[in-house]
PDB file of all heavy atoms in Angstrom:
ATOM      1  N   ILE A   1       6.347  -2.741  -5.968  1.00  0.00           N
ATOM      2  CA  ILE A   1       6.376  -3.251  -7.340  1.00  0.00           C
ATOM      3  C   ILE A   1       4.969  -3.333  -7.916  1.00  0.00           C
ATOM      4  O   ILE A   1       4.688  -2.919  -9.053  1.00  0.00           O
ATOM      5  CB  ILE A   1       7.065  -4.627  -7.387  1.00  0.00           C
ATOM      6  CG1 ILE A   1       8.545  -4.486  -7.018  1.00  0.00           C
ATOM      7  CG2 ILE A   1       6.923  -5.266  -8.776  1.00  0.00           C
ATOM      8  CD1 ILE A   1       9.255  -5.807  -6.836  1.00  0.00           C
ATOM      9  N   GLY A   2       4.019  -3.847  -7.120  1.00  0.00           N
ATOM     10  CA  GLY A   2       2.657  -3.974  -7.586  1.00  0.00           C
ATOM     11  C   GLY A   2       2.013  -2.612  -7.861  1.00  0.00           C
ATOM     12  O   GLY A   2       1.278  -2.453  -8.864  1.00  0.00           O
ATOM     13  N   SER A   3       2.266  -1.621  -7.009  1.00  0.00           N
ATOM     14  CA  SER A   3       1.715  -0.285  -7.215  1.00  0.00           C
ATOM     15  C   SER A   3       2.248   0.357  -8.478  1.00  0.00           C
ATOM     16  O   SER A   3       1.493   0.979  -9.242  1.00  0.00           O
ATOM     17  CB  SER A   3       2.028   0.605  -5.996  1.00  0.00           C
ATOM     18  OG  SER A   3       1.381   0.128  -4.859  1.00  0.00           O
ATOM     19  N   LEU A   4       3.553   0.219  -8.715  1.00  0.00           N
ATOM     20  CA  LEU A   4       4.141   0.785  -9.927  1.00  0.00           C
ATOM     21  C   LEU A   4       3.627   0.074 -11.162  1.00  0.00           C
ATOM     22  O   LEU A   4       3.395   0.728 -12.202  1.00  0.00           O
ATOM     23  CB  LEU A   4       5.673   0.680  -9.841  1.00  0.00           C
ATOM     24  CG  LEU A   4       6.354   1.532  -8.752  1.00  0.00           C
ATOM     25  CD1 LEU A   4       7.848   1.286  -8.722  1.00  0.00           C
ATOM     26  CD2 LEU A   4       6.074   3.018  -8.990  1.00  0.00           C
ATOM     27  N   PHE A   5       3.437  -1.231 -11.097  1.00  0.00           N
ATOM     28  CA  PHE A   5       2.902  -1.979 -12.235  1.00  0.00           C
ATOM     29  C   PHE A   5       1.485  -1.528 -12.545  1.00  0.00           C
ATOM     30  O   PHE A   5       1.113  -1.297 -13.714  1.00  0.00           O
ATOM     31  CB  PHE A   5       2.923  -3.475 -11.934  1.00  0.00           C
ATOM     32  CG  PHE A   5       2.329  -4.331 -13.022  1.00  0.00           C
ATOM     33  CD1 PHE A   5       3.032  -4.577 -14.205  1.00  0.00           C
ATOM     34  CD2 PHE A   5       1.055  -4.880 -12.852  1.00  0.00           C
ATOM     35  CE1 PHE A   5       2.454  -5.341 -15.203  1.00  0.00           C
ATOM     36  CE2 PHE A   5       0.489  -5.667 -13.858  1.00  0.00           C
ATOM     37  CZ  PHE A   5       1.197  -5.883 -15.023  1.00  0.00           C
ATOM     38  N   LEU A   6       0.656  -1.374 -11.487  1.00  0.00           N
ATOM     39  CA  LEU A   6      -0.732  -0.905 -11.679  1.00  0.00           C
ATOM     40  C   LEU A   6      -0.741   0.524 -12.219  1.00  0.00           C
ATOM     41  O   LEU A   6      -1.605   0.866 -13.047  1.00  0.00           O
ATOM     42  CB  LEU A   6      -1.480  -0.992 -10.363  1.00  0.00           C
ATOM     43  CG  LEU A   6      -2.962  -0.633 -10.384  1.00  0.00           C
ATOM     44  CD1 LEU A   6      -3.729  -1.544 -11.330  1.00  0.00           C
ATOM     45  CD2 LEU A   6      -3.575  -0.696  -8.986  1.00  0.00           C
ATOM     46  N   SER A   7       0.176   1.354 -11.745  1.00  0.00           N
ATOM     47  CA  SER A   7       0.254   2.730 -12.211  1.00  0.00           C
ATOM     48  C   SER A   7       0.575   2.792 -13.712  1.00  0.00           C
ATOM     49  O   SER A   7       0.018   3.605 -14.445  1.00  0.00           O
ATOM     50  CB  SER A   7       1.310   3.501 -11.400  1.00  0.00           C
ATOM     51  OG  SER A   7       1.420   4.832 -11.851  1.00  0.00           O
ATOM     52  N   ALA A   8       1.465   1.891 -14.154  1.00  0.00           N
ATOM     53  CA  ALA A   8       1.792   1.847 -15.568  1.00  0.00           C
ATOM     54  C   ALA A   8       0.657   1.250 -16.391  1.00  0.00           C
ATOM     55  O   ALA A   8       0.409   1.661 -17.534  1.00  0.00           O
ATOM     56  CB  ALA A   8       3.056   1.014 -15.780  1.00  0.00           C
ATOM     57  N   LEU A   9      -0.083   0.319 -15.786  1.00  0.00           N
ATOM     58  CA  LEU A   9      -1.147  -0.366 -16.506  1.00  0.00           C
ATOM     59  C   LEU A   9      -2.410   0.486 -16.589  1.00  0.00           C
ATOM     60  O   LEU A   9      -3.091   0.491 -17.633  1.00  0.00           O
ATOM     61  CB  LEU A   9      -1.479  -1.692 -15.791  1.00  0.00           C
ATOM     62  CG  LEU A   9      -2.314  -2.737 -16.527  1.00  0.00           C
ATOM     63  CD1 LEU A   9      -1.547  -3.264 -17.722  1.00  0.00           C
ATOM     64  CD2 LEU A   9      -2.693  -3.879 -15.584  1.00  0.00           C
ATOM     65  N   ALA A  10      -2.760   1.198 -15.477  1.00  0.00           N
ATOM     66  CA  ALA A  10      -3.977   2.010 -15.455  1.00  0.00           C
ATOM     67  C   ALA A  10      -3.684   3.349 -14.816  1.00  0.00           C
ATOM     68  O   ALA A  10      -4.060   3.615 -13.666  1.00  0.00           O
ATOM     69  CB  ALA A  10      -5.067   1.260 -14.699  1.00  0.00           C
ATOM     70  N   PRO A  11      -2.984   4.236 -15.523  1.00  0.00           N
ATOM     71  CA  PRO A  11      -2.583   5.527 -14.920  1.00  0.00           C
ATOM     72  C   PRO A  11      -3.748   6.418 -14.529  1.00  0.00           C
ATOM     73  O   PRO A  11      -3.638   7.234 -13.617  1.00  0.00           O
ATOM     74  CB  PRO A  11      -1.730   6.178 -16.032  1.00  0.00           C
ATOM     75  CG  PRO A  11      -2.123   5.464 -17.294  1.00  0.00           C
ATOM     76  CD  PRO A  11      -2.511   4.092 -16.908  1.00  0.00           C
ATOM     77  N   THR A  12      -4.891   6.277 -15.197  1.00  0.00           N
ATOM     78  CA  THR A  12      -6.048   7.128 -14.842  1.00  0.00           C
ATOM     79  C   THR A  12      -6.664   6.679 -13.506  1.00  0.00           C
ATOM     80  O   THR A  12      -7.269   7.480 -12.792  1.00  0.00           O
ATOM     81  CB  THR A  12      -7.118   7.034 -15.932  1.00  0.00           C
ATOM     82  OG1 THR A  12      -7.478   5.677 -16.144  1.00  0.00           O
ATOM     83  CG2 THR A  12      -6.595   7.628 -17.238  1.00  0.00           C
ATOM     84  N   LEU A  13      -6.485   5.407 -13.168  1.00  0.00           N
ATOM     85  CA  LEU A  13      -7.060   4.861 -11.940  1.00  0.00           C
ATOM     86  C   LEU A  13      -6.096   4.968 -10.773  1.00  0.00           C
ATOM     87  O   LEU A  13      -6.500   5.255  -9.636  1.00  0.00           O
ATOM     88  CB  LEU A  13      -7.462   3.404 -12.177  1.00  0.00           C
ATOM     89  CG  LEU A  13      -8.123   2.684 -11.002  1.00  0.00           C
ATOM     90  CD1 LEU A  13      -9.517   3.242 -10.757  1.00  0.00           C
ATOM     91  CD2 LEU A  13      -8.193   1.169 -11.267  1.00  0.00           C
ATOM     92  N   TRP A  14      -4.791   4.734 -11.037  1.00  0.00           N
ATOM     93  CA  TRP A  14      -3.804   4.571  -9.953  1.00  0.00           C
ATOM     94  C   TRP A  14      -2.485   5.184 -10.419  1.00  0.00           C
ATOM     95  O   TRP A  14      -1.600   4.478 -10.861  1.00  0.00           O
ATOM     96  CB  TRP A  14      -3.658   3.083  -9.635  1.00  0.00           C
ATOM     97  CG  TRP A  14      -2.812   2.747  -8.446  1.00  0.00           C
ATOM     98  CD1 TRP A  14      -1.513   2.391  -8.445  1.00  0.00           C
ATOM     99  CD2 TRP A  14      -3.214   2.750  -7.075  1.00  0.00           C
ATOM    100  NE1 TRP A  14      -1.069   2.173  -7.189  1.00  0.00           N
ATOM    101  CE2 TRP A  14      -2.090   2.373  -6.301  1.00  0.00           C
ATOM    102  CE3 TRP A  14      -4.416   3.031  -6.413  1.00  0.00           C
ATOM    103  CZ2 TRP A  14      -2.156   2.288  -4.916  1.00  0.00           C
ATOM    104  CZ3 TRP A  14      -4.467   2.918  -5.053  1.00  0.00           C
ATOM    105  CH2 TRP A  14      -3.333   2.561  -4.310  1.00  0.00           C
ATOM    106  N   LYS A  15      -2.339   6.502 -10.298  1.00  0.00           N
ATOM    107  CA  LYS A  15      -1.162   7.182 -10.794  1.00  0.00           C
ATOM    108  C   LYS A  15      -0.281   7.601  -9.615  1.00  0.00           C
ATOM    109  O   LYS A  15      -0.707   8.317  -8.711  1.00  0.00           O
ATOM    110  CB  LYS A  15      -1.581   8.420 -11.582  1.00  0.00           C
ATOM    111  CG  LYS A  15      -0.407   9.247 -12.113  1.00  0.00           C
ATOM    112  CD  LYS A  15       0.402   8.470 -13.116  1.00  0.00           C
ATOM    113  CE  LYS A  15       1.528   9.339 -13.716  1.00  0.00           C
ATOM    114  NZ  LYS A  15       2.425   8.562 -14.581  1.00  0.00           N
ATOM    115  N   MET A  16       0.985   7.136  -9.609  1.00  0.00           N
ATOM    116  CA  MET A  16       1.928   7.492  -8.542  1.00  0.00           C
ATOM    117  C   MET A  16       3.347   7.148  -8.953  1.00  0.00           C
ATOM    118  O   MET A  16       3.570   6.335  -9.837  1.00  0.00           O
ATOM    119  CB  MET A  16       1.555   6.762  -7.236  1.00  0.00           C
ATOM    120  CG  MET A  16       1.698   5.258  -7.264  1.00  0.00           C
ATOM    121  SD  MET A  16       1.221   4.490  -5.708  1.00  0.00           S
ATOM    122  CE  MET A  16      -0.484   4.934  -5.594  1.00  0.00           C
ATOM    123  N   ASP A  17       4.324   7.807  -8.266  1.00  0.00           N
ATOM    124  CA  ASP A  17       5.710   7.457  -8.529  1.00  0.00           C
ATOM    125  C   ASP A  17       6.195   6.489  -7.446  1.00  0.00           C
ATOM    126  O   ASP A  17       5.451   6.113  -6.536  1.00  0.00           O
ATOM    127  CB  ASP A  17       6.592   8.716  -8.575  1.00  0.00           C
ATOM    128  CG  ASP A  17       6.580   9.492  -7.266  1.00  0.00           C
ATOM    129  OD1 ASP A  17       6.080   8.952  -6.244  1.00  0.00           O
ATOM    130  OD2 ASP A  17       7.066  10.650  -7.243  1.00  0.00           O
ATOM    131  N   TRP A  18       7.477   6.112  -7.491  1.00  0.00           N
ATOM    132  CA  TRP A  18       7.986   5.075  -6.589  1.00  0.00           C
ATOM    133  C   TRP A  18       8.025   5.532  -5.143  1.00  0.00           C
ATOM    134  O   TRP A  18       7.864   4.719  -4.220  1.00  0.00           O
ATOM    135  CB  TRP A  18       9.373   4.625  -7.051  1.00  0.00           C
ATOM    136  CG  TRP A  18      10.483   5.636  -6.860  1.00  0.00           C
ATOM    137  CD1 TRP A  18      10.898   6.571  -7.737  1.00  0.00           C
ATOM    138  CD2 TRP A  18      11.292   5.798  -5.687  1.00  0.00           C
ATOM    139  NE1 TRP A  18      11.912   7.317  -7.209  1.00  0.00           N
ATOM    140  CE2 TRP A  18      12.193   6.851  -5.945  1.00  0.00           C
ATOM    141  CE3 TRP A  18      11.360   5.140  -4.472  1.00  0.00           C
ATOM    142  CZ2 TRP A  18      13.136   7.272  -5.031  1.00  0.00           C
ATOM    143  CZ3 TRP A  18      12.292   5.572  -3.540  1.00  0.00           C
ATOM    144  CH2 TRP A  18      13.171   6.623  -3.820  1.00  0.00           C
ATOM    145  N   ARG A  19       8.190   6.847  -4.903  1.00  0.00           N
ATOM    146  CA  ARG A  19       8.224   7.322  -3.535  1.00  0.00           C
ATOM    147  C   ARG A  19       6.876   7.162  -2.843  1.00  0.00           C
ATOM    148  O   ARG A  19       6.780   6.740  -1.668  1.00  0.00           O
ATOM    149  CB  ARG A  19       8.662   8.798  -3.503  1.00  0.00           C
ATOM    150  CG  ARG A  19      10.089   9.025  -4.015  1.00  0.00           C
ATOM    151  CD  ARG A  19      10.434  10.486  -4.087  1.00  0.00           C
ATOM    152  NE  ARG A  19       9.547  11.197  -5.015  1.00  0.00           N
ATOM    153  CZ  ARG A  19       9.539  12.512  -5.171  1.00  0.00           C
ATOM    154  NH1 ARG A  19      10.331  13.268  -4.452  1.00  0.00           N
ATOM    155  NH2 ARG A  19       8.732  13.086  -6.049  1.00  0.00           N
ATOM    156  N   THR A  20       5.817   7.504  -3.572  1.00  0.00           N
ATOM    157  CA  THR A  20       4.472   7.310  -3.021  1.00  0.00           C
ATOM    158  C   THR A  20       4.195   5.820  -2.791  1.00  0.00           C
ATOM    159  O   THR A  20       3.592   5.437  -1.794  1.00  0.00           O
ATOM    160  CB  THR A  20       3.427   7.890  -3.994  1.00  0.00           C
ATOM    161  OG1 THR A  20       3.690   9.269  -4.216  1.00  0.00           O
ATOM    162  CG2 THR A  20       2.015   7.705  -3.450  1.00  0.00           C
ATOM    163  N   ALA A  21       4.638   4.997  -3.768  1.00  0.00           N
ATOM    164  CA  ALA A  21       4.427   3.557  -3.634  1.00  0.00           C
ATOM    165  C   ALA A  21       5.131   2.999  -2.388  1.00  0.00           C
ATOM    166  O   ALA A  21       4.563   2.151  -1.682  1.00  0.00           O
ATOM    167  CB  ALA A  21       4.925   2.839  -4.902  1.00  0.00           C
ATOM    168  N   VAL A  22       6.341   3.457  -2.099  1.00  0.00           N
ATOM    169  CA  VAL A  22       7.060   2.990  -0.925  1.00  0.00           C
ATOM    170  C   VAL A  22       6.317   3.415   0.354  1.00  0.00           C
ATOM    171  O   VAL A  22       6.160   2.631   1.301  1.00  0.00           O
ATOM    172  CB  VAL A  22       8.509   3.535  -0.910  1.00  0.00           C
ATOM    173  CG1 VAL A  22       9.172   3.294   0.437  1.00  0.00           C
ATOM    174  CG2 VAL A  22       9.317   2.889  -2.017  1.00  0.00           C
ATOM    175  N   ALA A  23       5.861   4.686   0.410  1.00  0.00           N
ATOM    176  CA  ALA A  23       5.167   5.183   1.588  1.00  0.00           C
ATOM    177  C   ALA A  23       3.877   4.408   1.830  1.00  0.00           C
ATOM    178  O   ALA A  23       3.602   3.990   2.977  1.00  0.00           O
ATOM    179  CB  ALA A  23       4.857   6.666   1.418  1.00  0.00           C
ATOM    180  N   LEU A  24       3.105   4.164   0.781  1.00  0.00           N
ATOM    181  CA  LEU A  24       1.838   3.434   0.946  1.00  0.00           C
ATOM    182  C   LEU A  24       2.092   1.971   1.266  1.00  0.00           C
ATOM    183  O   LEU A  24       1.334   1.344   2.032  1.00  0.00           O
ATOM    184  CB  LEU A  24       0.984   3.551  -0.340  1.00  0.00           C
ATOM    185  CG  LEU A  24       0.447   4.942  -0.644  1.00  0.00           C
ATOM    186  CD1 LEU A  24      -0.381   4.929  -1.932  1.00  0.00           C
ATOM    187  CD2 LEU A  24      -0.444   5.446   0.527  1.00  0.00           C
ATOM    188  N   SER A  25       3.152   1.400   0.733  1.00  0.00           N
ATOM    189  CA  SER A  25       3.489  -0.003   1.037  1.00  0.00           C
ATOM    190  C   SER A  25       3.914  -0.149   2.505  1.00  0.00           C
ATOM    191  O   SER A  25       3.650  -1.184   3.128  1.00  0.00           O
ATOM    192  CB  SER A  25       4.571  -0.516   0.111  1.00  0.00           C
ATOM    193  OG  SER A  25       4.136  -0.489  -1.239  1.00  0.00           O
ATOM    194  N   GLY A  26       4.578   0.880   3.036  1.00  0.00           N
ATOM    195  CA  GLY A  26       4.908   0.859   4.458  1.00  0.00           C
ATOM    196  C   GLY A  26       3.660   0.835   5.320  1.00  0.00           C
ATOM    197  O   GLY A  26       3.591   0.109   6.322  1.00  0.00           O
ATOM    198  N   ALA A  27       2.640   1.643   4.937  1.00  0.00           N
ATOM    199  CA  ALA A  27       1.367   1.619   5.665  1.00  0.00           C
ATOM    200  C   ALA A  27       0.673   0.271   5.492  1.00  0.00           C
ATOM    201  O   ALA A  27       0.069  -0.249   6.437  1.00  0.00           O
ATOM    202  CB  ALA A  27       0.468   2.753   5.178  1.00  0.00           C
ATOM    203  N   LEU A  28       0.772  -0.306   4.286  1.00  0.00           N
ATOM    204  CA  LEU A  28       0.147  -1.591   4.013  1.00  0.00           C
ATOM    205  C   LEU A  28       0.740  -2.705   4.873  1.00  0.00           C
ATOM    206  O   LEU A  28       0.045  -3.671   5.253  1.00  0.00           O
ATOM    207  CB  LEU A  28       0.331  -1.942   2.524  1.00  0.00           C
ATOM    208  CG  LEU A  28      -0.120  -3.320   2.056  1.00  0.00           C
ATOM    209  CD1 LEU A  28      -1.624  -3.487   2.201  1.00  0.00           C
ATOM    210  CD2 LEU A  28       0.321  -3.590   0.611  1.00  0.00           C
ATOM    211  N   ALA A  29       2.023  -2.600   5.208  1.00  0.00           N
ATOM    212  CA  ALA A  29       2.706  -3.657   5.963  1.00  0.00           C
ATOM    213  C   ALA A  29       2.202  -3.773   7.400  1.00  0.00           C
ATOM    214  O   ALA A  29       2.414  -4.788   8.066  1.00  0.00           O
ATOM    215  CB  ALA A  29       4.211  -3.410   5.980  1.00  0.00           C
ATOM    216  N   MET A  30       1.517  -2.747   7.901  1.00  0.00           N
ATOM    217  CA  MET A  30       1.082  -2.716   9.287  1.00  0.00           C
ATOM    218  C   MET A  30      -0.260  -3.462   9.486  1.00  0.00           C
ATOM    219  O   MET A  30      -1.139  -3.385   8.641  1.00  0.00           O
ATOM    220  CB  MET A  30       0.909  -1.284   9.788  1.00  0.00           C
ATOM    221  CG  MET A  30       2.183  -0.451   9.719  1.00  0.00           C
ATOM    222  SD  MET A  30       3.482  -1.088  10.778  1.00  0.00           S
ATOM    223  CE  MET A  30       4.791  -1.338   9.580  1.00  0.00           C
ATOM    224  N   SER A  31      -0.376  -4.160  10.601  1.00  0.00           N
ATOM    225  CA  SER A  31      -1.639  -4.778  11.013  1.00  0.00           C
ATOM    226  C   SER A  31      -2.054  -4.162  12.349  1.00  0.00           C
ATOM    227  O   SER A  31      -1.254  -3.464  12.985  1.00  0.00           O
ATOM    228  CB  SER A  31      -1.462  -6.282  11.169  1.00  0.00           C
ATOM    229  OG  SER A  31      -1.017  -6.862   9.954  1.00  0.00           O
ATOM    230  N   SER A  32      -3.264  -4.414  12.757  1.00  0.00           N
ATOM    231  CA  SER A  32      -3.806  -3.733  13.953  1.00  0.00           C
ATOM    232  C   SER A  32      -3.453  -4.467  15.229  1.00  0.00           C
ATOM    233  O   SER A  32      -4.056  -5.494  15.559  1.00  0.00           O
ATOM    234  CB  SER A  32      -5.323  -3.591  13.849  1.00  0.00           C
ATOM    235  OG  SER A  32      -5.829  -2.973  15.007  1.00  0.00           O
ATOM    236  N   THR A  33      -2.458  -3.946  15.969  1.00  0.00           N
ATOM    237  CA  THR A  33      -2.084  -4.540  17.249  1.00  0.00           C
ATOM    238  C   THR A  33      -3.240  -4.479  18.238  1.00  0.00           C
ATOM    239  O   THR A  33      -3.541  -5.463  18.931  1.00  0.00           O
ATOM    240  CB  THR A  33      -0.869  -3.792  17.827  1.00  0.00           C
ATOM    241  OG1 THR A  33       0.207  -3.882  16.886  1.00  0.00           O
ATOM    242  CG2 THR A  33      -0.418  -4.393  19.142  1.00  0.00           C
ATOM    243  N   ALA A  34      -3.915  -3.331  18.319  1.00  0.00           N
ATOM    244  CA  ALA A  34      -4.984  -3.132  19.307  1.00  0.00           C
ATOM    245  C   ALA A  34      -6.130  -4.122  19.101  1.00  0.00           C
ATOM    246  O   ALA A  34      -6.593  -4.748  20.040  1.00  0.00           O
ATOM    247  CB  ALA A  34      -5.500  -1.705  19.244  1.00  0.00           C
ATOM    248  N   VAL A  35      -6.582  -4.272  17.859  1.00  0.00           N
ATOM    249  CA  VAL A  35      -7.721  -5.144  17.574  1.00  0.00           C
ATOM    250  C   VAL A  35      -7.352  -6.617  17.743  1.00  0.00           C
ATOM    251  O   VAL A  35      -8.039  -7.394  18.392  1.00  0.00           O
ATOM    252  CB  VAL A  35      -8.275  -4.889  16.151  1.00  0.00           C
ATOM    253  CG1 VAL A  35      -9.395  -5.865  15.833  1.00  0.00           C
ATOM    254  CG2 VAL A  35      -8.771  -3.464  16.021  1.00  0.00           C
ATOM    255  N   VAL A  36      -6.230  -7.010  17.125  1.00  0.00           N
ATOM    256  CA  VAL A  36      -5.859  -8.426  17.103  1.00  0.00           C
ATOM    257  C   VAL A  36      -5.487  -8.944  18.492  1.00  0.00           C
ATOM    258  O   VAL A  36      -5.893 -10.038  18.890  1.00  0.00           O
ATOM    259  CB  VAL A  36      -4.698  -8.647  16.095  1.00  0.00           C
ATOM    260  CG1 VAL A  36      -4.211 -10.089  16.142  1.00  0.00           C
ATOM    261  CG2 VAL A  36      -5.149  -8.301  14.678  1.00  0.00           C
ATOM    262  N   VAL A  37      -4.686  -8.167  19.248  1.00  0.00           N
ATOM    263  CA  VAL A  37      -4.285  -8.628  20.568  1.00  0.00           C
ATOM    264  C   VAL A  37      -5.505  -8.779  21.481  1.00  0.00           C
ATOM    265  O   VAL A  37      -5.605  -9.740  22.253  1.00  0.00           O
ATOM    266  CB  VAL A  37      -3.251  -7.656  21.184  1.00  0.00           C
ATOM    267  CG1 VAL A  37      -2.997  -7.992  22.651  1.00  0.00           C
ATOM    268  CG2 VAL A  37      -1.957  -7.707  20.400  1.00  0.00           C
ATOM    269  N   LYS A  38      -6.470  -7.852  21.395  1.00  0.00           N
ATOM    270  CA  LYS A  38      -7.681  -7.986  22.220  1.00  0.00           C
ATOM    271  C   LYS A  38      -8.453  -9.248  21.835  1.00  0.00           C
ATOM    272  O   LYS A  38      -8.926  -9.985  22.701  1.00  0.00           O
ATOM    273  CB  LYS A  38      -8.567  -6.742  22.032  1.00  0.00           C
ATOM    274  CG  LYS A  38      -9.812  -6.814  22.921  1.00  0.00           C
ATOM    275  CD  LYS A  38     -10.747  -5.648  22.694  1.00  0.00           C
ATOM    276  CE  LYS A  38     -11.915  -5.680  23.688  1.00  0.00           C
ATOM    277  NZ  LYS A  38     -12.681  -6.929  23.661  1.00  0.00           N
ATOM    278  N   MET A  39      -8.570  -9.519  20.552  1.00  0.00           N
ATOM    279  CA  MET A  39      -9.303 -10.710  20.100  1.00  0.00           C
ATOM    280  C   MET A  39      -8.579 -11.975  20.544  1.00  0.00           C
ATOM    281  O   MET A  39      -9.198 -12.939  20.981  1.00  0.00           O
ATOM    282  CB  MET A  39      -9.475 -10.694  18.591  1.00  0.00           C
ATOM    283  CG  MET A  39     -10.334  -9.564  18.055  1.00  0.00           C
ATOM    284  SD  MET A  39     -12.078  -9.715  18.491  1.00  0.00           S
ATOM    285  CE  MET A  39     -12.570 -11.133  17.549  1.00  0.00           C
ATOM    286  N   LEU A  40      -7.247 -11.983  20.446  1.00  0.00           N
ATOM    287  CA  LEU A  40      -6.471 -13.136  20.904  1.00  0.00           C
ATOM    288  C   LEU A  40      -6.668 -13.389  22.390  1.00  0.00           C
ATOM    289  O   LEU A  40      -6.837 -14.531  22.833  1.00  0.00           O
ATOM    290  CB  LEU A  40      -4.992 -12.936  20.601  1.00  0.00           C
ATOM    291  CG  LEU A  40      -4.523 -13.145  19.158  1.00  0.00           C
ATOM    292  CD1 LEU A  40      -3.054 -12.691  19.011  1.00  0.00           C
ATOM    293  CD2 LEU A  40      -4.639 -14.601  18.731  1.00  0.00           C
TER     294      LEU A  40
END
């Protein structure tokens, strides 16, 4: 939702359709298991 809103608000800066937004949001949902578990 945020990516689509930004795309509508500033298309020259952040232009994408909903499929791209879903794919990037899936990547955004991930955190680093390797780094965090080692630090813990």
